[in-house]
Amino acid sequence: MTPVDVQGRAHDLIEAGRFHDAVNLIRKESQVSGPTALEVAKVLRAGEALPGFPVFDEDDLPTRIRKLIEAGHRKQAVFLARKHRGHEPVRS
């Protein structure tokens, strides 16, 4: 599993044309093998999100997403929403 914040940072690197750096970040921070990190980076490059480490938070999903956006972490909010797509109803 790759933490949501690592996915966001890796995606930033991929968008900046630094795919190899994104693979290295994923490998080091998620403590996975090189081939696994490469596969994760390919998924991120395709615009998908992967399951991350469980987040122990008392807030519901919309509140967690709103807090991330308010804190300036929009990309992490998007990855969190993608991770939970179809698993939890989103309320406004």
PDB file of N, CA and C in Angstrom:
ATOM      1  N   MET A   1       0.839  -1.181   0.000  1.00  0.00           N
ATOM      2  CA  MET A   1       0.000   0.000   0.000  1.00  0.00           C
ATOM      3  C   MET A   1       0.883   1.242   0.000  1.00  0.00           C
ATOM      4  N   THR A   2       0.455   2.223  -0.734  1.00  0.00           N
ATOM      5  CA  THR A   2       1.179   3.478  -0.838  1.00  0.00           C
ATOM      6  C   THR A   2       0.356   4.566  -0.168  1.00  0.00           C
ATOM      7  N   PRO A   3       0.930   5.246   0.831  1.00  0.00           N
ATOM      8  CA  PRO A   3       0.169   6.294   1.512  1.00  0.00           C
ATOM      9  C   PRO A   3      -0.347   7.344   0.530  1.00  0.00           C
ATOM     10  N   VAL A   4      -1.519   7.891   0.820  1.00  0.00           N
ATOM     11  CA  VAL A   4      -2.148   8.858  -0.060  1.00  0.00           C
ATOM     12  C   VAL A   4      -1.239  10.067  -0.286  1.00  0.00           C
ATOM     13  N   ASP A   5      -0.543  10.534   0.757  1.00  0.00           N
ATOM     14  CA  ASP A   5       0.322  11.703   0.564  1.00  0.00           C
ATOM     15  C   ASP A   5       1.491  11.385  -0.364  1.00  0.00           C
ATOM     16  N   VAL A   6       2.008  10.159  -0.309  1.00  0.00           N
ATOM     17  CA  VAL A   6       3.093   9.757  -1.217  1.00  0.00           C
ATOM     18  C   VAL A   6       2.552   9.689  -2.645  1.00  0.00           C
ATOM     19  N   GLN A   7       1.340   9.186  -2.807  1.00  0.00           N
ATOM     20  CA  GLN A   7       0.738   9.146  -4.135  1.00  0.00           C
ATOM     21  C   GLN A   7       0.617  10.554  -4.713  1.00  0.00           C
ATOM     22  N   GLY A   8       0.211  11.498  -3.893  1.00  0.00           N
ATOM     23  CA  GLY A   8       0.072  12.878  -4.355  1.00  0.00           C
ATOM     24  C   GLY A   8       1.403  13.476  -4.768  1.00  0.00           C
ATOM     25  N   ARG A   9       2.442  13.269  -3.949  1.00  0.00           N
ATOM     26  CA  ARG A   9       3.769  13.802  -4.274  1.00  0.00           C
ATOM     27  C   ARG A   9       4.343  13.126  -5.506  1.00  0.00           C
ATOM     28  N   ALA A  10       4.136  11.813  -5.624  1.00  0.00           N
ATOM     29  CA  ALA A  10       4.628  11.089  -6.800  1.00  0.00           C
ATOM     30  C   ALA A  10       3.910  11.577  -8.055  1.00  0.00           C
ATOM     31  N   HIS A  11       2.624  11.818  -7.935  1.00  0.00           N
ATOM     32  CA  HIS A  11       1.869  12.312  -9.079  1.00  0.00           C
ATOM     33  C   HIS A  11       2.382  13.680  -9.508  1.00  0.00           C
ATOM     34  N   ASP A  12       2.728  14.535  -8.543  1.00  0.00           N
ATOM     35  CA  ASP A  12       3.315  15.843  -8.880  1.00  0.00           C
ATOM     36  C   ASP A  12       4.599  15.662  -9.685  1.00  0.00           C
ATOM     37  N   LEU A  13       5.434  14.710  -9.260  1.00  0.00           N
ATOM     38  CA  LEU A  13       6.683  14.451  -9.984  1.00  0.00           C
ATOM     39  C   LEU A  13       6.401  13.949 -11.394  1.00  0.00           C
ATOM     40  N   ILE A  14       5.430  13.064 -11.526  1.00  0.00           N
ATOM     41  CA  ILE A  14       5.075  12.521 -12.839  1.00  0.00           C
ATOM     42  C   ILE A  14       4.604  13.650 -13.748  1.00  0.00           C
ATOM     43  N   GLU A  15       3.757  14.531 -13.224  1.00  0.00           N
ATOM     44  CA  GLU A  15       3.269  15.660 -14.021  1.00  0.00           C
ATOM     45  C   GLU A  15       4.414  16.590 -14.436  1.00  0.00           C
ATOM     46  N   ALA A  16       5.453  16.659 -13.612  1.00  0.00           N
ATOM     47  CA  ALA A  16       6.603  17.514 -13.914  1.00  0.00           C
ATOM     48  C   ALA A  16       7.595  16.828 -14.851  1.00  0.00           C
ATOM     49  N   GLY A  17       7.244  15.634 -15.342  1.00  0.00           N
ATOM     50  CA  GLY A  17       8.134  14.919 -16.253  1.00  0.00           C
ATOM     51  C   GLY A  17       9.259  14.188 -15.552  1.00  0.00           C
ATOM     52  N   ARG A  18       9.080  13.925 -14.258  1.00  0.00           N
ATOM     53  CA  ARG A  18      10.127  13.268 -13.468  1.00  0.00           C
ATOM     54  C   ARG A  18       9.649  11.879 -13.021  1.00  0.00           C
ATOM     55  N   PHE A  19       9.282  11.055 -13.996  1.00  0.00           N
ATOM     56  CA  PHE A  19       8.740   9.728 -13.720  1.00  0.00           C
ATOM     57  C   PHE A  19       9.702   8.891 -12.881  1.00  0.00           C
ATOM     58  N   HIS A  20      10.982   8.896 -13.244  1.00  0.00           N
ATOM     59  CA  HIS A  20      11.984   8.095 -12.520  1.00  0.00           C
ATOM     60  C   HIS A  20      12.067   8.529 -11.050  1.00  0.00           C
ATOM     61  N   ASP A  21      12.008   9.840 -10.806  1.00  0.00           N
ATOM     62  CA  ASP A  21      12.034  10.338  -9.422  1.00  0.00           C
ATOM     63  C   ASP A  21      10.789   9.885  -8.661  1.00  0.00           C
ATOM     64  N   ALA A  22       9.654   9.840  -9.355  1.00  0.00           N
ATOM     65  CA  ALA A  22       8.416   9.377  -8.725  1.00  0.00           C
ATOM     66  C   ALA A  22       8.543   7.906  -8.314  1.00  0.00           C
ATOM     67  N   VAL A  23       9.121   7.098  -9.183  1.00  0.00           N
ATOM     68  CA  VAL A  23       9.326   5.674  -8.866  1.00  0.00           C
ATOM     69  C   VAL A  23      10.224   5.542  -7.636  1.00  0.00           C
ATOM     70  N   ASN A  24      11.306   6.318  -7.602  1.00  0.00           N
ATOM     71  CA  ASN A  24      12.216   6.263  -6.442  1.00  0.00           C
ATOM     72  C   ASN A  24      11.518   6.699  -5.158  1.00  0.00           C
ATOM     73  N   LEU A  25      10.715   7.744  -5.229  1.00  0.00           N
ATOM     74  CA  LEU A  25       9.971   8.215  -4.057  1.00  0.00           C
ATOM     75  C   LEU A  25       9.043   7.119  -3.540  1.00  0.00           C
ATOM     76  N   ILE A  26       8.308   6.506  -4.440  1.00  0.00           N
ATOM     77  CA  ILE A  26       7.363   5.445  -4.060  1.00  0.00           C
ATOM     78  C   ILE A  26       8.126   4.279  -3.437  1.00  0.00           C
ATOM     79  N   ARG A  27       9.230   3.885  -4.069  1.00  0.00           N
ATOM     80  CA  ARG A  27      10.019   2.753  -3.562  1.00  0.00           C
ATOM     81  C   ARG A  27      10.512   3.022  -2.155  1.00  0.00           C
ATOM     82  N   LYS A  28      11.079   4.199  -1.937  1.00  0.00           N
ATOM     83  CA  LYS A  28      11.656   4.516  -0.628  1.00  0.00           C
ATOM     84  C   LYS A  28      10.599   4.730   0.446  1.00  0.00           C
ATOM     85  N   GLU A  29       9.586   5.522   0.134  1.00  0.00           N
ATOM     86  CA  GLU A  29       8.619   5.902   1.167  1.00  0.00           C
ATOM     87  C   GLU A  29       7.576   4.825   1.437  1.00  0.00           C
ATOM     88  N   SER A  30       7.316   3.972   0.462  1.00  0.00           N
ATOM     89  CA  SER A  30       6.351   2.886   0.669  1.00  0.00           C
ATOM     90  C   SER A  30       7.044   1.584   1.020  1.00  0.00           C
ATOM     91  N   GLN A  31       8.366   1.587   0.933  1.00  0.00           N
ATOM     92  CA  GLN A  31       9.179   0.414   1.243  1.00  0.00           C
ATOM     93  C   GLN A  31       8.741  -0.799   0.418  1.00  0.00           C
ATOM     94  N   VAL A  32       8.701  -0.569  -0.902  1.00  0.00           N
ATOM     95  CA  VAL A  32       8.347  -1.643  -1.827  1.00  0.00           C
ATOM     96  C   VAL A  32       9.504  -1.853  -2.789  1.00  0.00           C
ATOM     97  N   SER A  33       9.449  -2.939  -3.542  1.00  0.00           N
ATOM     98  CA  SER A  33      10.509  -3.244  -4.509  1.00  0.00           C
ATOM     99  C   SER A  33      10.440  -2.273  -5.686  1.00  0.00           C
ATOM    100  N   GLY A  34      11.515  -2.214  -6.448  1.00  0.00           N
ATOM    101  CA  GLY A  34      11.555  -1.380  -7.640  1.00  0.00           C
ATOM    102  C   GLY A  34      10.445  -1.697  -8.632  1.00  0.00           C
ATOM    103  N   PRO A  35      10.239  -2.987  -8.967  1.00  0.00           N
ATOM    104  CA  PRO A  35       9.166  -3.319  -9.907  1.00  0.00           C
ATOM    105  C   PRO A  35       7.772  -2.923  -9.391  1.00  0.00           C
ATOM    106  N   THR A  36       7.562  -3.078  -8.091  1.00  0.00           N
ATOM    107  CA  THR A  36       6.271  -2.689  -7.520  1.00  0.00           C
ATOM    108  C   THR A  36       6.101  -1.177  -7.597  1.00  0.00           C
ATOM    109  N   ALA A  37       7.159  -0.428  -7.270  1.00  0.00           N
ATOM    110  CA  ALA A  37       7.100   1.031  -7.345  1.00  0.00           C
ATOM    111  C   ALA A  37       6.827   1.488  -8.773  1.00  0.00           C
ATOM    112  N   LEU A  38       7.424   0.807  -9.747  1.00  0.00           N
ATOM    113  CA  LEU A  38       7.197   1.134 -11.150  1.00  0.00           C
ATOM    114  C   LEU A  38       5.733   0.940 -11.522  1.00  0.00           C
ATOM    115  N   GLU A  39       5.144  -0.154 -11.073  1.00  0.00           N
ATOM    116  CA  GLU A  39       3.727  -0.426 -11.358  1.00  0.00           C
ATOM    117  C   GLU A  39       2.826   0.627 -10.716  1.00  0.00           C
ATOM    118  N   VAL A  40       3.145   1.009  -9.479  1.00  0.00           N
ATOM    119  CA  VAL A  40       2.370   2.049  -8.794  1.00  0.00           C
ATOM    120  C   VAL A  40       2.459   3.345  -9.586  1.00  0.00           C
ATOM    121  N   ALA A  41       3.654   3.717 -10.020  1.00  0.00           N
ATOM    122  CA  ALA A  41       3.835   4.955 -10.783  1.00  0.00           C
ATOM    123  C   ALA A  41       3.057   4.913 -12.097  1.00  0.00           C
ATOM    124  N   LYS A  42       3.009   3.766 -12.737  1.00  0.00           N
ATOM    125  CA  LYS A  42       2.246   3.633 -13.982  1.00  0.00           C
ATOM    126  C   LYS A  42       0.757   3.855 -13.734  1.00  0.00           C
ATOM    127  N   VAL A  43       0.262   3.316 -12.619  1.00  0.00           N
ATOM    128  CA  VAL A  43      -1.145   3.506 -12.264  1.00  0.00           C
ATOM    129  C   VAL A  43      -1.423   4.987 -12.008  1.00  0.00           C
ATOM    130  N   LEU A  44      -0.525   5.643 -11.275  1.00  0.00           N
ATOM    131  CA  LEU A  44      -0.696   7.071 -10.996  1.00  0.00           C
ATOM    132  C   LEU A  44      -0.637   7.898 -12.273  1.00  0.00           C
ATOM    133  N   ARG A  45       0.261   7.532 -13.175  1.00  0.00           N
ATOM    134  CA  ARG A  45       0.386   8.246 -14.451  1.00  0.00           C
ATOM    135  C   ARG A  45      -0.908   8.130 -15.255  1.00  0.00           C
ATOM    136  N   ALA A  46      -1.608   7.003 -15.094  1.00  0.00           N
ATOM    137  CA  ALA A  46      -2.876   6.798 -15.795  1.00  0.00           C
ATOM    138  C   ALA A  46      -4.037   7.545 -15.137  1.00  0.00           C
ATOM    139  N   GLY A  47      -3.757   8.217 -14.003  1.00  0.00           N
ATOM    140  CA  GLY A  47      -4.794   9.011 -13.347  1.00  0.00           C
ATOM    141  C   GLY A  47      -5.595   8.277 -12.303  1.00  0.00           C
ATOM    142  N   GLU A  48      -5.169   7.093 -11.941  1.00  0.00           N
ATOM    143  CA  GLU A  48      -5.870   6.315 -10.922  1.00  0.00           C
ATOM    144  C   GLU A  48      -5.208   6.517  -9.565  1.00  0.00           C
ATOM    145  N   ALA A  49      -5.900   6.107  -8.532  1.00  0.00           N
ATOM    146  CA  ALA A  49      -5.351   6.129  -7.175  1.00  0.00           C
ATOM    147  C   ALA A  49      -5.365   4.710  -6.647  1.00  0.00           C
ATOM    148  N   LEU A  50      -4.459   4.427  -5.739  1.00  0.00           N
ATOM    149  CA  LEU A  50      -4.347   3.099  -5.147  1.00  0.00           C
ATOM    150  C   LEU A  50      -4.772   3.152  -3.686  1.00  0.00           C
ATOM    151  N   PRO A  51      -5.104   2.000  -3.116  1.00  0.00           N
ATOM    152  CA  PRO A  51      -5.398   2.008  -1.680  1.00  0.00           C
ATOM    153  C   PRO A  51      -4.185   2.511  -0.909  1.00  0.00           C
ATOM    154  N   GLY A  52      -4.417   3.319   0.093  1.00  0.00           N
ATOM    155  CA  GLY A  52      -3.346   3.829   0.938  1.00  0.00           C
ATOM    156  C   GLY A  52      -3.419   3.188   2.305  1.00  0.00           C
ATOM    157  N   PHE A  53      -2.509   3.567   3.159  1.00  0.00           N
ATOM    158  CA  PHE A  53      -2.567   3.071   4.517  1.00  0.00           C
ATOM    159  C   PHE A  53      -3.854   3.554   5.160  1.00  0.00           C
ATOM    160  N   PRO A  54      -4.444   2.774   6.041  1.00  0.00           N
ATOM    161  CA  PRO A  54      -5.666   3.218   6.700  1.00  0.00           C
ATOM    162  C   PRO A  54      -5.424   4.517   7.457  1.00  0.00           C
ATOM    163  N   VAL A  55      -6.417   5.379   7.395  1.00  0.00           N
ATOM    164  CA  VAL A  55      -6.354   6.636   8.126  1.00  0.00           C
ATOM    165  C   VAL A  55      -7.342   6.527   9.277  1.00  0.00           C
ATOM    166  N   PHE A  56      -6.840   6.667  10.478  1.00  0.00           N
ATOM    167  CA  PHE A  56      -7.704   6.575  11.637  1.00  0.00           C
ATOM    168  C   PHE A  56      -8.157   7.982  11.981  1.00  0.00           C
ATOM    169  N   ASP A  57      -9.341   8.313  11.523  1.00  0.00           N
ATOM    170  CA  ASP A  57      -9.872   9.651  11.658  1.00  0.00           C
ATOM    171  C   ASP A  57     -11.344   9.525  12.011  1.00  0.00           C
ATOM    172  N   GLU A  58     -11.786  10.316  12.932  1.00  0.00           N
ATOM    173  CA  GLU A  58     -13.180  10.231  13.360  1.00  0.00           C
ATOM    174  C   GLU A  58     -14.116  10.931  12.382  1.00  0.00           C
ATOM    175  N   ASP A  59     -13.571  11.781  11.509  1.00  0.00           N
ATOM    176  CA  ASP A  59     -14.399  12.518  10.566  1.00  0.00           C
ATOM    177  C   ASP A  59     -14.877  11.609   9.443  1.00  0.00           C
ATOM    178  N   ASP A  60     -16.036  11.950   8.885  1.00  0.00           N
ATOM    179  CA  ASP A  60     -16.514  11.217   7.724  1.00  0.00           C
ATOM    180  C   ASP A  60     -15.714  11.669   6.498  1.00  0.00           C
ATOM    181  N   LEU A  61     -15.876  10.966   5.414  1.00  0.00           N
ATOM    182  CA  LEU A  61     -15.080  11.224   4.214  1.00  0.00           C
ATOM    183  C   LEU A  61     -15.213  12.660   3.716  1.00  0.00           C
ATOM    184  N   PRO A  62     -16.416  13.200   3.570  1.00  0.00           N
ATOM    185  CA  PRO A  62     -16.506  14.581   3.082  1.00  0.00           C
ATOM    186  C   PRO A  62     -15.802  15.595   3.997  1.00  0.00           C
ATOM    187  N   THR A  63     -15.870  15.372   5.290  1.00  0.00           N
ATOM    188  CA  THR A  63     -15.200  16.279   6.222  1.00  0.00           C
ATOM    189  C   THR A  63     -13.688  16.179   6.071  1.00  0.00           C
ATOM    190  N   ARG A  64     -13.171  14.955   5.931  1.00  0.00           N
ATOM    191  CA  ARG A  64     -11.725  14.773   5.738  1.00  0.00           C
ATOM    192  C   ARG A  64     -11.265  15.448   4.455  1.00  0.00           C
ATOM    193  N   ILE A  65     -12.057  15.299   3.384  1.00  0.00           N
ATOM    194  CA  ILE A  65     -11.712  15.915   2.109  1.00  0.00           C
ATOM    195  C   ILE A  65     -11.747  17.436   2.234  1.00  0.00           C
ATOM    196  N   ARG A  66     -12.773  17.961   2.859  1.00  0.00           N
ATOM    197  CA  ARG A  66     -12.893  19.407   3.046  1.00  0.00           C
ATOM    198  C   ARG A  66     -11.716  19.960   3.846  1.00  0.00           C
ATOM    199  N   LYS A  67     -11.305  19.249   4.905  1.00  0.00           N
ATOM    200  CA  LYS A  67     -10.166  19.685   5.726  1.00  0.00           C
ATOM    201  C   LYS A  67      -8.872  19.700   4.918  1.00  0.00           C
ATOM    202  N   LEU A  68      -8.679  18.694   4.073  1.00  0.00           N
ATOM    203  CA  LEU A  68      -7.484  18.675   3.223  1.00  0.00           C
ATOM    204  C   LEU A  68      -7.470  19.862   2.274  1.00  0.00           C
ATOM    205  N   ILE A  69      -8.611  20.153   1.659  1.00  0.00           N
ATOM    206  CA  ILE A  69      -8.692  21.278   0.732  1.00  0.00           C
ATOM    207  C   ILE A  69      -8.435  22.590   1.466  1.00  0.00           C
ATOM    208  N   GLU A  70      -9.044  22.742   2.625  1.00  0.00           N
ATOM    209  CA  GLU A  70      -8.859  23.971   3.406  1.00  0.00           C
ATOM    210  C   GLU A  70      -7.400  24.147   3.836  1.00  0.00           C
ATOM    211  N   ALA A  71      -6.693  23.034   4.032  1.00  0.00           N
ATOM    212  CA  ALA A  71      -5.283  23.101   4.430  1.00  0.00           C
ATOM    213  C   ALA A  71      -4.354  23.265   3.218  1.00  0.00           C
ATOM    214  N   GLY A  72      -4.941  23.374   2.024  1.00  0.00           N
ATOM    215  CA  GLY A  72      -4.128  23.565   0.833  1.00  0.00           C
ATOM    216  C   GLY A  72      -3.612  22.277   0.227  1.00  0.00           C
ATOM    217  N   HIS A  73      -4.196  21.139   0.604  1.00  0.00           N
ATOM    218  CA  HIS A  73      -3.741  19.837   0.104  1.00  0.00           C
ATOM    219  C   HIS A  73      -4.780  19.267  -0.865  1.00  0.00           C
ATOM    220  N   ARG A  74      -5.047  20.022  -1.928  1.00  0.00           N
ATOM    221  CA  ARG A  74      -6.092  19.639  -2.872  1.00  0.00           C
ATOM    222  C   ARG A  74      -5.825  18.283  -3.527  1.00  0.00           C
ATOM    223  N   LYS A  75      -4.585  18.065  -3.948  1.00  0.00           N
ATOM    224  CA  LYS A  75      -4.278  16.809  -4.628  1.00  0.00           C
ATOM    225  C   LYS A  75      -4.490  15.613  -3.697  1.00  0.00           C
ATOM    226  N   GLN A  76      -4.099  15.736  -2.430  1.00  0.00           N
ATOM    227  CA  GLN A  76      -4.331  14.652  -1.472  1.00  0.00           C
ATOM    228  C   GLN A  76      -5.826  14.418  -1.302  1.00  0.00           C
ATOM    229  N   ALA A  77      -6.617  15.493  -1.333  1.00  0.00           N
ATOM    230  CA  ALA A  77      -8.071  15.359  -1.223  1.00  0.00           C
ATOM    231  C   ALA A  77      -8.624  14.575  -2.410  1.00  0.00           C
ATOM    232  N   VAL A  78      -8.109  14.872  -3.596  1.00  0.00           N
ATOM    233  CA  VAL A  78      -8.565  14.159  -4.797  1.00  0.00           C
ATOM    234  C   VAL A  78      -8.205  12.676  -4.709  1.00  0.00           C
ATOM    235  N   PHE A  79      -6.977  12.372  -4.290  1.00  0.00           N
ATOM    236  CA  PHE A  79      -6.570  10.971  -4.179  1.00  0.00           C
ATOM    237  C   PHE A  79      -7.381  10.246  -3.106  1.00  0.00           C
ATOM    238  N   LEU A  80      -7.700  10.919  -2.014  1.00  0.00           N
ATOM    239  CA  LEU A  80      -8.520  10.307  -0.979  1.00  0.00           C
ATOM    240  C   LEU A  80      -9.912  10.013  -1.514  1.00  0.00           C
ATOM    241  N   ALA A  81     -10.481  10.947  -2.248  1.00  0.00           N
ATOM    242  CA  ALA A  81     -11.811  10.737  -2.834  1.00  0.00           C
ATOM    243  C   ALA A  81     -11.784   9.583  -3.835  1.00  0.00           C
ATOM    244  N   ARG A  82     -10.740   9.521  -4.670  1.00  0.00           N
ATOM    245  CA  ARG A  82     -10.627   8.423  -5.643  1.00  0.00           C
ATOM    246  C   ARG A  82     -10.488   7.080  -4.945  1.00  0.00           C
ATOM    247  N   LYS A  83      -9.728   7.078  -3.860  1.00  0.00           N
ATOM    248  CA  LYS A  83      -9.500   5.821  -3.130  1.00  0.00           C
ATOM    249  C   LYS A  83     -10.814   5.259  -2.602  1.00  0.00           C
ATOM    250  N   HIS A  84     -11.705   6.138  -2.190  1.00  0.00           N
ATOM    251  CA  HIS A  84     -12.959   5.706  -1.578  1.00  0.00           C
ATOM    252  C   HIS A  84     -14.125   5.679  -2.554  1.00  0.00           C
ATOM    253  N   ARG A  85     -13.848   5.973  -3.810  1.00  0.00           N
ATOM    254  CA  ARG A  85     -14.903   5.999  -4.823  1.00  0.00           C
ATOM    255  C   ARG A  85     -15.661   4.669  -4.800  1.00  0.00           C
ATOM    256  N   GLY A  86     -16.944   4.758  -4.570  1.00  0.00           N
ATOM    257  CA  GLY A  86     -17.777   3.564  -4.574  1.00  0.00           C
ATOM    258  C   GLY A  86     -17.786   2.800  -3.264  1.00  0.00           C
ATOM    259  N   HIS A  87     -17.031   3.255  -2.264  1.00  0.00           N
ATOM    260  CA  HIS A  87     -16.971   2.533  -0.999  1.00  0.00           C
ATOM    261  C   HIS A  87     -17.721   3.233   0.133  1.00  0.00           C
ATOM    262  N   GLU A  88     -17.928   4.518  -0.003  1.00  0.00           N
ATOM    263  CA  GLU A  88     -18.573   5.287   1.042  1.00  0.00           C
ATOM    264  C   GLU A  88     -19.388   6.377   0.382  1.00  0.00           C
ATOM    265  N   PRO A  89     -20.650   6.566   0.799  1.00  0.00           N
ATOM    266  CA  PRO A  89     -21.440   7.622   0.173  1.00  0.00           C
ATOM    267  C   PRO A  89     -20.844   8.994   0.468  1.00  0.00           C
ATOM    268  N   VAL A  90     -20.827   9.843  -0.537  1.00  0.00           N
ATOM    269  CA  VAL A  90     -20.316  11.197  -0.363  1.00  0.00           C
ATOM    270  C   VAL A  90     -21.496  12.113  -0.141  1.00  0.00           C
ATOM    271  N   ARG A  91     -21.456  12.824   0.960  1.00  0.00           N
ATOM    272  CA  ARG A  91     -22.521  13.770   1.296  1.00  0.00           C
ATOM    273  C   ARG A  91     -21.952  15.171   1.223  1.00  0.00           C
ATOM    274  N   SER A  92     -22.801  16.127   0.919  1.00  0.00           N
ATOM    275  CA  SER A  92     -22.302  17.510   0.872  1.00  0.00           C
ATOM    276  C   SER A  92     -22.698  18.273   2.109  1.00  0.00           C
TER     277      SER A  92
END
